[in-house]
Amino acid sequence: MDSWLVSLLPIVLIFCALSILTLKIIALVDILPNNFKQKNDKLIWTLVVLFSGLIGPILYFLLGRKQKIART
């Protein structure tokens, strides 16, 4: 492997980690102040986002946002 590529690897890893952390924070900010249709959905989505890596926030944004109760 080229030395410039090896020196670039930590920067790429930090960028990926910060991106995942940012997605998790955005998802949690969306989950916590809202109510959901079923009683335990907030807890379930919080645990999914926290403990499932990159796929958790993506699943929440694709599936979980539809389960929120609309504010009036």
Foldseek 3Di string as FASTA:
>chain_A
DDPVVVVCVVVVVVVLVVVLVVLLVVQLVVLPVFAFPDDCLSVVLNCQSVPVTNVSSVCCVVPVVVGTDDDD
